[in-house]
PDB file of all heavy atoms in Angstrom:
ATOM      1  N   LYS A   1      75.662  26.679  24.590  1.00  0.00           N
ATOM      2  CA  LYS A   1      76.460  27.528  23.716  1.00  0.00           C
ATOM      3  C   LYS A   1      76.384  27.049  22.266  1.00  0.00           C
ATOM      4  O   LYS A   1      76.334  27.861  21.334  1.00  0.00           O
ATOM      5  CB  LYS A   1      77.912  27.561  24.194  1.00  0.00           C
ATOM      6  CG  LYS A   1      78.105  28.299  25.508  1.00  0.00           C
ATOM      7  CD  LYS A   1      79.567  28.280  25.942  1.00  0.00           C
ATOM      8  CE  LYS A   1      79.756  29.062  27.238  1.00  0.00           C
ATOM      9  NZ  LYS A   1      81.167  29.033  27.688  1.00  0.00           N
ATOM     10  N   LEU A   2      76.367  25.736  22.062  1.00  0.00           N
ATOM     11  CA  LEU A   2      76.264  25.213  20.699  1.00  0.00           C
ATOM     12  C   LEU A   2      74.922  25.585  20.076  1.00  0.00           C
ATOM     13  O   LEU A   2      74.861  26.022  18.929  1.00  0.00           O
ATOM     14  CB  LEU A   2      76.452  23.697  20.700  1.00  0.00           C
ATOM     15  CG  LEU A   2      76.403  23.062  19.302  1.00  0.00           C
ATOM     16  CD1 LEU A   2      77.535  22.072  19.121  1.00  0.00           C
ATOM     17  CD2 LEU A   2      75.082  22.360  19.062  1.00  0.00           C
ATOM     18  N   HIS A   3      73.832  25.421  20.844  1.00  0.00           N
ATOM     19  CA  HIS A   3      72.507  25.798  20.327  1.00  0.00           C
ATOM     20  C   HIS A   3      72.445  27.296  20.034  1.00  0.00           C
ATOM     21  O   HIS A   3      71.858  27.714  19.029  1.00  0.00           O
ATOM     22  CB  HIS A   3      71.419  25.424  21.327  1.00  0.00           C
ATOM     23  CG  HIS A   3      71.095  23.957  21.372  1.00  0.00           C
ATOM     24  ND1 HIS A   3      70.729  23.247  20.251  1.00  0.00           N
ATOM     25  CD2 HIS A   3      71.084  23.072  22.409  1.00  0.00           C
ATOM     26  CE1 HIS A   3      70.497  21.985  20.593  1.00  0.00           C
ATOM     27  NE2 HIS A   3      70.708  21.860  21.887  1.00  0.00           N
ATOM     28  N   ALA A   4      73.047  28.104  20.906  1.00  0.00           N
ATOM     29  CA  ALA A   4      73.027  29.550  20.689  1.00  0.00           C
ATOM     30  C   ALA A   4      73.745  29.914  19.389  1.00  0.00           C
ATOM     31  O   ALA A   4      73.347  30.847  18.684  1.00  0.00           O
ATOM     32  CB  ALA A   4      73.685  30.264  21.870  1.00  0.00           C
ATOM     33  N   HIS A   5      74.776  29.149  19.049  1.00  0.00           N
ATOM     34  CA  HIS A   5      75.557  29.420  17.834  1.00  0.00           C
ATOM     35  C   HIS A   5      74.857  28.927  16.575  1.00  0.00           C
ATOM     36  O   HIS A   5      74.827  29.621  15.553  1.00  0.00           O
ATOM     37  CB  HIS A   5      76.924  28.747  17.958  1.00  0.00           C
ATOM     38  CG  HIS A   5      77.808  28.933  16.766  1.00  0.00           C
ATOM     39  ND1 HIS A   5      78.382  30.142  16.440  1.00  0.00           N
ATOM     40  CD2 HIS A   5      78.209  28.057  15.800  1.00  0.00           C
ATOM     41  CE1 HIS A   5      79.098  30.018  15.332  1.00  0.00           C
ATOM     42  NE2 HIS A   5      79.004  28.765  14.919  1.00  0.00           N
ATOM     43  N   LEU A   6      74.258  27.735  16.634  1.00  0.00           N
ATOM     44  CA  LEU A   6      73.727  27.104  15.426  1.00  0.00           C
ATOM     45  C   LEU A   6      72.233  27.311  15.202  1.00  0.00           C
ATOM     46  O   LEU A   6      71.776  27.306  14.054  1.00  0.00           O
ATOM     47  CB  LEU A   6      74.013  25.592  15.457  1.00  0.00           C
ATOM     48  CG  LEU A   6      75.472  25.162  15.318  1.00  0.00           C
ATOM     49  CD1 LEU A   6      75.574  23.637  15.363  1.00  0.00           C
ATOM     50  CD2 LEU A   6      76.084  25.686  14.027  1.00  0.00           C
ATOM     51  N   SER A   7      71.451  27.486  16.254  1.00  0.00           N
ATOM     52  CA  SER A   7      69.998  27.503  16.063  1.00  0.00           C
ATOM     53  C   SER A   7      69.510  28.638  15.162  1.00  0.00           C
ATOM     54  O   SER A   7      68.549  28.438  14.408  1.00  0.00           O
ATOM     55  CB  SER A   7      69.272  27.539  17.413  1.00  0.00           C
ATOM     56  OG  SER A   7      69.544  28.723  18.125  1.00  0.00           O
ATOM     57  N   PRO A   8      70.130  29.846  15.162  1.00  0.00           N
ATOM     58  CA  PRO A   8      69.645  30.865  14.219  1.00  0.00           C
ATOM     59  C   PRO A   8      69.775  30.448  12.756  1.00  0.00           C
ATOM     60  O   PRO A   8      69.049  30.948  11.896  1.00  0.00           O
ATOM     61  CB  PRO A   8      70.542  32.077  14.533  1.00  0.00           C
ATOM     62  CG  PRO A   8      70.970  31.874  15.945  1.00  0.00           C
ATOM     63  CD  PRO A   8      71.148  30.393  16.074  1.00  0.00           C
ATOM     64  N   MET A   9      70.689  29.529  12.457  1.00  0.00           N
ATOM     65  CA  MET A   9      70.909  29.108  11.076  1.00  0.00           C
ATOM     66  C   MET A   9      69.800  28.187  10.568  1.00  0.00           C
ATOM     67  O   MET A   9      69.703  27.949   9.369  1.00  0.00           O
ATOM     68  CB  MET A   9      72.262  28.407  10.946  1.00  0.00           C
ATOM     69  CG  MET A   9      73.439  29.264  11.361  1.00  0.00           C
ATOM     70  SD  MET A   9      75.012  28.408  11.179  1.00  0.00           S
ATOM     71  CE  MET A   9      76.074  29.482  12.148  1.00  0.00           C
ATOM     72  N   VAL A  10      68.990  27.658  11.477  1.00  0.00           N
ATOM     73  CA  VAL A  10      67.873  26.804  11.057  1.00  0.00           C
ATOM     74  C   VAL A  10      66.536  27.417  11.460  1.00  0.00           C
ATOM     75  O   VAL A  10      65.523  26.737  11.574  1.00  0.00           O
ATOM     76  CB  VAL A  10      68.004  25.366  11.623  1.00  0.00           C
ATOM     77  CG1 VAL A  10      69.200  24.666  11.021  1.00  0.00           C
ATOM     78  CG2 VAL A  10      68.102  25.368  13.152  1.00  0.00           C
ATOM     79  N   GLY A  11      66.537  28.755  11.697  1.00  0.00           N
ATOM     80  CA  GLY A  11      65.277  29.467  11.917  1.00  0.00           C
ATOM     81  C   GLY A  11      64.789  29.508  13.338  1.00  0.00           C
ATOM     82  O   GLY A  11      63.613  29.727  13.586  1.00  0.00           O
ATOM     83  N   ASN A  12      65.680  29.306  14.310  1.00  0.00           N
ATOM     84  CA  ASN A  12      65.292  29.382  15.710  1.00  0.00           C
ATOM     85  C   ASN A  12      66.317  30.201  16.478  1.00  0.00           C
ATOM     86  O   ASN A  12      67.452  30.377  16.037  1.00  0.00           O
ATOM     87  CB  ASN A  12      65.213  27.990  16.347  1.00  0.00           C
ATOM     88  CG  ASN A  12      64.019  27.206  15.865  1.00  0.00           C
ATOM     89  OD1 ASN A  12      62.939  27.316  16.404  1.00  0.00           O
ATOM     90  ND2 ASN A  12      64.218  26.430  14.815  1.00  0.00           N
ATOM     91  N   VAL A  13      65.901  30.665  17.649  1.00  0.00           N
ATOM     92  CA  VAL A  13      66.822  31.353  18.545  1.00  0.00           C
ATOM     93  C   VAL A  13      66.788  30.641  19.881  1.00  0.00           C
ATOM     94  O   VAL A  13      65.715  30.385  20.426  1.00  0.00           O
ATOM     95  CB  VAL A  13      66.429  32.833  18.730  1.00  0.00           C
ATOM     96  CG1 VAL A  13      67.308  33.479  19.790  1.00  0.00           C
ATOM     97  CG2 VAL A  13      66.557  33.578  17.409  1.00  0.00           C
ATOM     98  N   TYR A  14      67.964  30.304  20.408  1.00  0.00           N
ATOM     99  CA  TYR A  14      68.041  29.634  21.697  1.00  0.00           C
ATOM    100  C   TYR A  14      68.151  30.710  22.770  1.00  0.00           C
ATOM    101  O   TYR A  14      69.152  31.404  22.877  1.00  0.00           O
ATOM    102  CB  TYR A  14      69.253  28.711  21.734  1.00  0.00           C
ATOM    103  CG  TYR A  14      69.148  27.636  22.789  1.00  0.00           C
ATOM    104  CD1 TYR A  14      68.355  26.515  22.566  1.00  0.00           C
ATOM    105  CD2 TYR A  14      69.821  27.748  23.995  1.00  0.00           C
ATOM    106  CE1 TYR A  14      68.252  25.524  23.524  1.00  0.00           C
ATOM    107  CE2 TYR A  14      69.719  26.762  24.950  1.00  0.00           C
ATOM    108  CZ  TYR A  14      68.943  25.649  24.714  1.00  0.00           C
ATOM    109  OH  TYR A  14      68.832  24.670  25.658  1.00  0.00           O
ATOM    110  N   ALA A  15      67.088  30.886  23.522  1.00  0.00           N
ATOM    111  CA  ALA A  15      67.020  31.981  24.484  1.00  0.00           C
ATOM    112  C   ALA A  15      67.819  31.644  25.741  1.00  0.00           C
ATOM    113  O   ALA A  15      68.075  30.478  26.041  1.00  0.00           O
ATOM    114  CB  ALA A  15      65.557  32.254  24.836  1.00  0.00           C
ATOM    115  N   PRO A  16      68.208  32.661  26.532  1.00  0.00           N
ATOM    116  CA  PRO A  16      68.986  32.414  27.749  1.00  0.00           C
ATOM    117  C   PRO A  16      68.300  31.495  28.738  1.00  0.00           C
ATOM    118  O   PRO A  16      68.966  30.821  29.526  1.00  0.00           O
ATOM    119  CB  PRO A  16      69.163  33.825  28.332  1.00  0.00           C
ATOM    120  CG  PRO A  16      69.058  34.740  27.157  1.00  0.00           C
ATOM    121  CD  PRO A  16      68.065  34.091  26.238  1.00  0.00           C
ATOM    122  N   ASP A  17      66.942  31.482  28.737  1.00  0.00           N
ATOM    123  CA  ASP A  17      66.232  30.607  29.671  1.00  0.00           C
ATOM    124  C   ASP A  17      66.137  29.178  29.151  1.00  0.00           C
ATOM    125  O   ASP A  17      65.428  28.352  29.697  1.00  0.00           O
ATOM    126  CB  ASP A  17      64.831  31.143  29.981  1.00  0.00           C
ATOM    127  CG  ASP A  17      63.958  31.239  28.725  1.00  0.00           C
ATOM    128  OD1 ASP A  17      64.438  30.877  27.637  1.00  0.00           O
ATOM    129  OD2 ASP A  17      62.799  31.669  28.855  1.00  0.00           O
ATOM    130  N   GLN A  18      66.885  28.910  28.068  1.00  0.00           N
ATOM    131  CA  GLN A  18      66.991  27.567  27.502  1.00  0.00           C
ATOM    132  C   GLN A  18      65.683  27.084  26.895  1.00  0.00           C
ATOM    133  O   GLN A  18      65.426  25.897  26.801  1.00  0.00           O
ATOM    134  CB  GLN A  18      67.498  26.585  28.562  1.00  0.00           C
ATOM    135  CG  GLN A  18      68.856  26.991  29.120  1.00  0.00           C
ATOM    136  CD  GLN A  18      69.306  26.097  30.241  1.00  0.00           C
ATOM    137  OE1 GLN A  18      68.742  25.036  30.472  1.00  0.00           O
ATOM    138  NE2 GLN A  18      70.333  26.507  30.960  1.00  0.00           N
ATOM    139  N   GLN A  19      64.842  28.019  26.473  1.00  0.00           N
ATOM    140  CA  GLN A  19      63.645  27.668  25.729  1.00  0.00           C
ATOM    141  C   GLN A  19      63.897  27.918  24.249  1.00  0.00           C
ATOM    142  O   GLN A  19      64.701  28.761  23.885  1.00  0.00           O
ATOM    143  CB  GLN A  19      62.454  28.510  26.183  1.00  0.00           C
ATOM    144  CG  GLN A  19      62.078  28.288  27.653  1.00  0.00           C
ATOM    145  CD  GLN A  19      61.577  26.890  27.909  1.00  0.00           C
ATOM    146  OE1 GLN A  19      60.799  26.374  27.122  1.00  0.00           O
ATOM    147  NE2 GLN A  19      62.016  26.272  28.993  1.00  0.00           N
ATOM    148  N   ILE A  20      63.205  27.202  23.393  1.00  0.00           N
ATOM    149  CA  ILE A  20      63.321  27.419  21.952  1.00  0.00           C
ATOM    150  C   ILE A  20      62.142  28.276  21.508  1.00  0.00           C
ATOM    151  O   ILE A  20      60.990  27.942  21.767  1.00  0.00           O
ATOM    152  CB  ILE A  20      63.289  26.079  21.193  1.00  0.00           C
ATOM    153  CG1 ILE A  20      64.372  25.151  21.739  1.00  0.00           C
ATOM    154  CG2 ILE A  20      63.476  26.302  19.703  1.00  0.00           C
ATOM    155  CD1 ILE A  20      65.776  25.663  21.582  1.00  0.00           C
ATOM    156  N   ARG A  21      62.422  29.399  20.868  1.00  0.00           N
ATOM    157  CA  ARG A  21      61.330  30.245  20.397  1.00  0.00           C
ATOM    158  C   ARG A  21      61.584  30.618  18.939  1.00  0.00           C
ATOM    159  O   ARG A  21      62.736  30.685  18.504  1.00  0.00           O
ATOM    160  CB  ARG A  21      61.211  31.507  21.238  1.00  0.00           C
ATOM    161  CG  ARG A  21      62.444  32.404  21.200  1.00  0.00           C
ATOM    162  CD  ARG A  21      62.190  33.687  21.996  1.00  0.00           C
ATOM    163  NE  ARG A  21      63.389  34.508  22.068  1.00  0.00           N
ATOM    164  CZ  ARG A  21      63.812  35.305  21.104  1.00  0.00           C
ATOM    165  NH1 ARG A  21      63.142  35.374  19.975  1.00  0.00           N
ATOM    166  NH2 ARG A  21      64.905  36.028  21.253  1.00  0.00           N
ATOM    167  N   PRO A  22      60.536  30.863  18.167  1.00  0.00           N
ATOM    168  CA  PRO A  22      60.718  31.236  16.767  1.00  0.00           C
ATOM    169  C   PRO A  22      61.350  32.611  16.643  1.00  0.00           C
ATOM    170  O   PRO A  22      61.247  33.439  17.537  1.00  0.00           O
ATOM    171  CB  PRO A  22      59.294  31.246  16.196  1.00  0.00           C
ATOM    172  CG  PRO A  22      58.487  30.482  17.195  1.00  0.00           C
ATOM    173  CD  PRO A  22      59.147  30.692  18.523  1.00  0.00           C
ATOM    174  N   THR A  23      62.000  32.850  15.527  1.00  0.00           N
ATOM    175  CA  THR A  23      62.519  34.175  15.232  1.00  0.00           C
ATOM    176  C   THR A  23      61.367  35.064  14.796  1.00  0.00           C
ATOM    177  O   THR A  23      60.253  34.609  14.562  1.00  0.00           O
ATOM    178  CB  THR A  23      63.546  34.118  14.095  1.00  0.00           C
ATOM    179  OG1 THR A  23      62.863  33.743  12.897  1.00  0.00           O
ATOM    180  CG2 THR A  23      64.636  33.130  14.373  1.00  0.00           C
ATOM    181  N   THR A  24      61.661  36.359  14.658  1.00  0.00           N
ATOM    182  CA  THR A  24      60.633  37.293  14.224  1.00  0.00           C
ATOM    183  C   THR A  24      60.172  36.988  12.807  1.00  0.00           C
ATOM    184  O   THR A  24      59.090  37.387  12.402  1.00  0.00           O
ATOM    185  CB  THR A  24      61.156  38.730  14.280  1.00  0.00           C
ATOM    186  OG1 THR A  24      62.388  38.802  13.558  1.00  0.00           O
ATOM    187  CG2 THR A  24      61.386  39.167  15.704  1.00  0.00           C
ATOM    188  N   GLN A  25      60.992  36.245  12.029  1.00  0.00           N
ATOM    189  CA  GLN A  25      60.575  35.893  10.675  1.00  0.00           C
ATOM    190  C   GLN A  25      59.325  35.017  10.678  1.00  0.00           C
ATOM    191  O   GLN A  25      58.574  35.002   9.709  1.00  0.00           O
ATOM    192  CB  GLN A  25      61.704  35.168   9.944  1.00  0.00           C
ATOM    193  CG  GLN A  25      62.845  36.102   9.561  1.00  0.00           C
ATOM    194  CD  GLN A  25      63.931  35.359   8.846  1.00  0.00           C
ATOM    195  OE1 GLN A  25      64.356  34.297   9.290  1.00  0.00           O
ATOM    196  NE2 GLN A  25      64.380  35.892   7.743  1.00  0.00           N
ATOM    197  N   LYS A  26      59.081  34.311  11.766  1.00  0.00           N
ATOM    198  CA  LYS A  26      57.870  33.498  11.852  1.00  0.00           C
ATOM    199  C   LYS A  26      56.619  34.369  11.836  1.00  0.00           C
ATOM    200  O   LYS A  26      55.525  33.894  11.529  1.00  0.00           O
ATOM    201  CB  LYS A  26      57.894  32.654  13.137  1.00  0.00           C
ATOM    202  CG  LYS A  26      59.059  31.672  13.236  1.00  0.00           C
ATOM    203  CD  LYS A  26      58.947  30.557  12.236  1.00  0.00           C
ATOM    204  CE  LYS A  26      60.046  29.519  12.460  1.00  0.00           C
ATOM    205  NZ  LYS A  26      59.989  28.428  11.492  1.00  0.00           N
ATOM    206  N   ASP A  27      56.772  35.640  12.198  1.00  0.00           N
ATOM    207  CA  ASP A  27      55.630  36.553  12.222  1.00  0.00           C
ATOM    208  C   ASP A  27      55.362  37.183  10.862  1.00  0.00           C
ATOM    209  O   ASP A  27      54.351  37.874  10.691  1.00  0.00           O
ATOM    210  CB  ASP A  27      55.865  37.676  13.246  1.00  0.00           C
ATOM    211  CG  ASP A  27      55.990  37.146  14.658  1.00  0.00           C
ATOM    212  OD1 ASP A  27      55.285  36.179  14.975  1.00  0.00           O
ATOM    213  OD2 ASP A  27      56.790  37.698  15.432  1.00  0.00           O
ATOM    214  N   PHE A  28      56.224  36.971   9.886  1.00  0.00           N
ATOM    215  CA  PHE A  28      56.096  37.652   8.598  1.00  0.00           C
ATOM    216  C   PHE A  28      54.745  37.405   7.902  1.00  0.00           C
ATOM    217  O   PHE A  28      54.220  38.324   7.279  1.00  0.00           O
ATOM    218  CB  PHE A  28      57.241  37.246   7.663  1.00  0.00           C
ATOM    219  CG  PHE A  28      58.527  37.977   7.945  1.00  0.00           C
ATOM    220  CD1 PHE A  28      58.671  38.788   9.060  1.00  0.00           C
ATOM    221  CD2 PHE A  28      59.608  37.845   7.101  1.00  0.00           C
ATOM    222  CE1 PHE A  28      59.858  39.450   9.327  1.00  0.00           C
ATOM    223  CE2 PHE A  28      60.802  38.514   7.351  1.00  0.00           C
ATOM    224  CZ  PHE A  28      60.918  39.321   8.468  1.00  0.00           C
ATOM    225  N   PRO A  29      54.162  36.208   7.977  1.00  0.00           N
ATOM    226  CA  PRO A  29      52.874  36.011   7.294  1.00  0.00           C
ATOM    227  C   PRO A  29      51.779  36.962   7.773  1.00  0.00           C
ATOM    228  O   PRO A  29      50.807  37.193   7.057  1.00  0.00           O
ATOM    229  CB  PRO A  29      52.519  34.556   7.608  1.00  0.00           C
ATOM    230  CG  PRO A  29      53.838  33.898   7.830  1.00  0.00           C
ATOM    231  CD  PRO A  29      54.683  34.941   8.521  1.00  0.00           C
ATOM    232  N   ARG A  30      51.938  37.519   8.979  1.00  0.00           N
ATOM    233  CA  ARG A  30      50.912  38.423   9.508  1.00  0.00           C
ATOM    234  C   ARG A  30      51.226  39.892   9.221  1.00  0.00           C
ATOM    235  O   ARG A  30      50.498  40.776   9.652  1.00  0.00           O
ATOM    236  CB  ARG A  30      50.766  38.201  11.022  1.00  0.00           C
ATOM    237  CG  ARG A  30      50.231  36.822  11.380  1.00  0.00           C
ATOM    238  CD  ARG A  30      49.899  36.743  12.845  1.00  0.00           C
ATOM    239  NE  ARG A  30      51.080  36.763  13.690  1.00  0.00           N
ATOM    240  CZ  ARG A  30      51.783  35.694  14.023  1.00  0.00           C
ATOM    241  NH1 ARG A  30      51.423  34.507  13.569  1.00  0.00           N
ATOM    242  NH2 ARG A  30      52.830  35.787  14.806  1.00  0.00           N
ATOM    243  N   LEU A  31      52.330  40.143   8.509  1.00  0.00           N
ATOM    244  CA  LEU A  31      52.741  41.507   8.226  1.00  0.00           C
ATOM    245  C   LEU A  31      52.554  41.822   6.747  1.00  0.00           C
ATOM    246  O   LEU A  31      52.564  40.927   5.911  1.00  0.00           O
ATOM    247  CB  LEU A  31      54.212  41.697   8.600  1.00  0.00           C
ATOM    248  CG  LEU A  31      54.600  41.433  10.063  1.00  0.00           C
ATOM    249  CD1 LEU A  31      56.110  41.548  10.223  1.00  0.00           C
ATOM    250  CD2 LEU A  31      53.890  42.385  10.992  1.00  0.00           C
ATOM    251  N   ASP A  32      52.389  43.113   6.440  1.00  0.00           N
ATOM    252  CA  ASP A  32      52.329  43.476   5.031  1.00  0.00           C
ATOM    253  C   ASP A  32      53.743  43.602   4.480  1.00  0.00           C
ATOM    254  O   ASP A  32      54.727  43.604   5.219  1.00  0.00           O
ATOM    255  CB  ASP A  32      51.510  44.748   4.815  1.00  0.00           C
ATOM    256  CG  ASP A  32      52.107  45.974   5.517  1.00  0.00           C
ATOM    257  OD1 ASP A  32      53.334  46.040   5.683  1.00  0.00           O
ATOM    258  OD2 ASP A  32      51.330  46.855   5.899  1.00  0.00           O
ATOM    259  N   GLU A  33      53.844  43.687   3.155  1.00  0.00           N
ATOM    260  CA  GLU A  33      55.148  43.690   2.498  1.00  0.00           C
ATOM    261  C   GLU A  33      56.026  44.846   2.971  1.00  0.00           C
ATOM    262  O   GLU A  33      57.222  44.679   3.196  1.00  0.00           O
ATOM    263  CB  GLU A  33      54.952  43.772   0.977  1.00  0.00           C
ATOM    264  CG  GLU A  33      56.199  43.470   0.187  1.00  0.00           C
ATOM    265  CD  GLU A  33      56.283  42.021  -0.262  1.00  0.00           C
ATOM    266  OE1 GLU A  33      55.919  41.127   0.535  1.00  0.00           O
ATOM    267  OE2 GLU A  33      56.693  41.786  -1.385  1.00  0.00           O
ATOM    268  N   ALA A  34      55.439  46.019   3.149  1.00  0.00           N
ATOM    269  CA  ALA A  34      56.210  47.185   3.575  1.00  0.00           C
ATOM    270  C   ALA A  34      56.829  46.962   4.951  1.00  0.00           C
ATOM    271  O   ALA A  34      57.969  47.363   5.208  1.00  0.00           O
ATOM    272  CB  ALA A  34      55.328  48.432   3.580  1.00  0.00           C
ATOM    273  N   ALA A  35      56.090  46.314   5.856  1.00  0.00           N
ATOM    274  CA  ALA A  35      56.597  46.058   7.199  1.00  0.00           C
ATOM    275  C   ALA A  35      57.762  45.074   7.164  1.00  0.00           C
ATOM    276  O   ALA A  35      58.745  45.233   7.889  1.00  0.00           O
ATOM    277  CB  ALA A  35      55.475  45.530   8.093  1.00  0.00           C
ATOM    278  N   ILE A  36      57.652  44.047   6.323  1.00  0.00           N
ATOM    279  CA  ILE A  36      58.731  43.073   6.207  1.00  0.00           C
ATOM    280  C   ILE A  36      59.991  43.732   5.648  1.00  0.00           C
ATOM    281  O   ILE A  36      61.101  43.535   6.156  1.00  0.00           O
ATOM    282  CB  ILE A  36      58.305  41.894   5.311  1.00  0.00           C
ATOM    283  CG1 ILE A  36      57.137  41.135   5.951  1.00  0.00           C
ATOM    284  CG2 ILE A  36      59.476  40.952   5.060  1.00  0.00           C
ATOM    285  CD1 ILE A  36      56.544  40.063   5.064  1.00  0.00           C
ATOM    286  N   ILE A  37      59.825  44.543   4.615  1.00  0.00           N
ATOM    287  CA  ILE A  37      60.959  45.246   4.022  1.00  0.00           C
ATOM    288  C   ILE A  37      61.630  46.146   5.054  1.00  0.00           C
ATOM    289  O   ILE A  37      62.858  46.236   5.138  1.00  0.00           O
ATOM    290  CB  ILE A  37      60.496  46.059   2.796  1.00  0.00           C
ATOM    291  CG1 ILE A  37      60.128  45.108   1.657  1.00  0.00           C
ATOM    292  CG2 ILE A  37      61.571  47.045   2.345  1.00  0.00           C
ATOM    293  CD1 ILE A  37      59.479  45.779   0.471  1.00  0.00           C
ATOM    294  N   SER A  38      60.822  46.802   5.877  1.00  0.00           N
ATOM    295  CA  SER A  38      61.356  47.661   6.924  1.00  0.00           C
ATOM    296  C   SER A  38      62.131  46.851   7.964  1.00  0.00           C
ATOM    297  O   SER A  38      63.212  47.248   8.408  1.00  0.00           O
ATOM    298  CB  SER A  38      60.222  48.435   7.597  1.00  0.00           C
ATOM    299  OG  SER A  38      60.701  49.208   8.676  1.00  0.00           O
ATOM    300  N   MET A  39      61.592  45.697   8.369  1.00  0.00           N
ATOM    301  CA  MET A  39      62.255  44.860   9.355  1.00  0.00           C
ATOM    302  C   MET A  39      63.585  44.331   8.831  1.00  0.00           C
ATOM    303  O   MET A  39      64.554  44.194   9.584  1.00  0.00           O
ATOM    304  CB  MET A  39      61.343  43.696   9.758  1.00  0.00           C
ATOM    305  CG  MET A  39      60.136  44.114  10.575  1.00  0.00           C
ATOM    306  SD  MET A  39      59.106  42.702  11.049  1.00  0.00           S
ATOM    307  CE  MET A  39      60.200  41.885  12.210  1.00  0.00           C
ATOM    308  N   LEU A  40      63.634  44.025   7.542  1.00  0.00           N
ATOM    309  CA  LEU A  40      64.877  43.535   6.945  1.00  0.00           C
ATOM    310  C   LEU A  40      65.827  44.670   6.580  1.00  0.00           C
ATOM    311  O   LEU A  40      66.949  44.417   6.152  1.00  0.00           O
ATOM    312  CB  LEU A  40      64.566  42.708   5.702  1.00  0.00           C
ATOM    313  CG  LEU A  40      63.843  41.379   5.932  1.00  0.00           C
ATOM    314  CD1 LEU A  40      63.484  40.719   4.597  1.00  0.00           C
ATOM    315  CD2 LEU A  40      64.687  40.427   6.780  1.00  0.00           C
ATOM    316  N   ASP A  41      65.368  45.902   6.757  1.00  0.00           N
ATOM    317  CA  ASP A  41      66.172  47.098   6.476  1.00  0.00           C
ATOM    318  C   ASP A  41      66.590  47.167   5.010  1.00  0.00           C
ATOM    319  O   ASP A  41      67.725  47.522   4.685  1.00  0.00           O
ATOM    320  CB  ASP A  41      67.414  47.133   7.379  1.00  0.00           C
ATOM    321  CG  ASP A  41      67.960  48.547   7.565  1.00  0.00           C
ATOM    322  OD1 ASP A  41      67.272  49.500   7.132  1.00  0.00           O
ATOM    323  OD2 ASP A  41      69.061  48.692   8.116  1.00  0.00           O
ATOM    324  N   LEU A  42      65.662  46.832   4.117  1.00  0.00           N
ATOM    325  CA  LEU A  42      65.937  46.895   2.682  1.00  0.00           C
ATOM    326  C   LEU A  42      65.568  48.284   2.155  1.00  0.00           C
ATOM    327  O   LEU A  42      64.523  48.822   2.492  1.00  0.00           O
ATOM    328  CB  LEU A  42      65.129  45.825   1.940  1.00  0.00           C
ATOM    329  CG  LEU A  42      65.400  44.376   2.347  1.00  0.00           C
ATOM    330  CD1 LEU A  42      64.504  43.434   1.551  1.00  0.00           C
ATOM    331  CD2 LEU A  42      66.866  44.015   2.137  1.00  0.00           C
ATOM    332  N   GLN A  43      66.442  48.838   1.325  1.00  0.00           N
ATOM    333  CA  GLN A  43      66.261  50.181   0.796  1.00  0.00           C
ATOM    334  C   GLN A  43      66.285  50.137  -0.727  1.00  0.00           C
ATOM    335  O   GLN A  43      66.881  49.242  -1.324  1.00  0.00           O
ATOM    336  CB  GLN A  43      67.375  51.099   1.299  1.00  0.00           C
ATOM    337  CG  GLN A  43      67.486  51.167   2.815  1.00  0.00           C
ATOM    338  CD  GLN A  43      68.700  51.965   3.265  1.00  0.00           C
ATOM    339  OE1 GLN A  43      69.541  52.364   2.447  1.00  0.00           O
ATOM    340  NE2 GLN A  43      68.804  52.194   4.559  1.00  0.00           N
ATOM    341  N   PRO A  44      65.640  51.119  -1.381  1.00  0.00           N
ATOM    342  CA  PRO A  44      65.715  51.175  -2.845  1.00  0.00           C
ATOM    343  C   PRO A  44      67.169  51.242  -3.328  1.00  0.00           C
ATOM    344  O   PRO A  44      68.021  51.859  -2.673  1.00  0.00           O
ATOM    345  CB  PRO A  44      64.956  52.463  -3.172  1.00  0.00           C
ATOM    346  CG  PRO A  44      64.053  52.688  -2.002  1.00  0.00           C
ATOM    347  CD  PRO A  44      64.801  52.181  -0.808  1.00  0.00           C
ATOM    348  N   LEU A  45      67.427  50.606  -4.444  1.00  0.00           N
ATOM    349  CA  LEU A  45      68.789  50.531  -4.975  1.00  0.00           C
ATOM    350  C   LEU A  45      69.218  51.884  -5.558  1.00  0.00           C
ATOM    351  O   LEU A  45      68.629  52.371  -6.513  1.00  0.00           O
ATOM    352  CB  LEU A  45      68.871  49.450  -6.056  1.00  0.00           C
ATOM    353  CG  LEU A  45      70.241  49.261  -6.700  1.00  0.00           C
ATOM    354  CD1 LEU A  45      71.225  48.676  -5.697  1.00  0.00           C
ATOM    355  CD2 LEU A  45      70.139  48.363  -7.936  1.00  0.00           C
ATOM    356  N   THR A  46      70.240  52.472  -4.962  1.00  0.00           N
ATOM    357  CA  THR A  46      70.859  53.687  -5.511  1.00  0.00           C
ATOM    358  C   THR A  46      72.354  53.484  -5.743  1.00  0.00           C
ATOM    359  O   THR A  46      72.944  54.136  -6.601  1.00  0.00           O
ATOM    360  CB  THR A  46      70.654  54.884  -4.565  1.00  0.00           C
ATOM    361  OG1 THR A  46      71.235  54.596  -3.283  1.00  0.00           O
ATOM    362  CG2 THR A  46      69.169  55.186  -4.391  1.00  0.00           C
ATOM    363  N   LYS A  47      72.972  52.577  -4.972  1.00  0.00           N
ATOM    364  CA  LYS A  47      74.401  52.289  -5.112  1.00  0.00           C
ATOM    365  C   LYS A  47      74.562  51.078  -6.035  1.00  0.00           C
ATOM    366  O   LYS A  47      74.235  49.959  -5.662  1.00  0.00           O
ATOM    367  CB  LYS A  47      75.025  51.984  -3.747  1.00  0.00           C
ATOM    368  CG  LYS A  47      74.782  53.050  -2.684  1.00  0.00           C
ATOM    369  CD  LYS A  47      75.585  54.301  -2.959  1.00  0.00           C
ATOM    370  CE  LYS A  47      75.462  55.290  -1.799  1.00  0.00           C
ATOM    371  NZ  LYS A  47      76.199  56.531  -2.040  1.00  0.00           N
TER     372      LYS A  47
END
């Protein structure tokens, strides 16, 4: 439970099977800028 709470804060996710796996952010170097922006749900500033 402690790992599940804290591991996302240091770039990891503690999975239910008790394995450590990277977050999807680790895949960002293989994505183009538009895909990353979409994954982060960033939108042009209107507000």
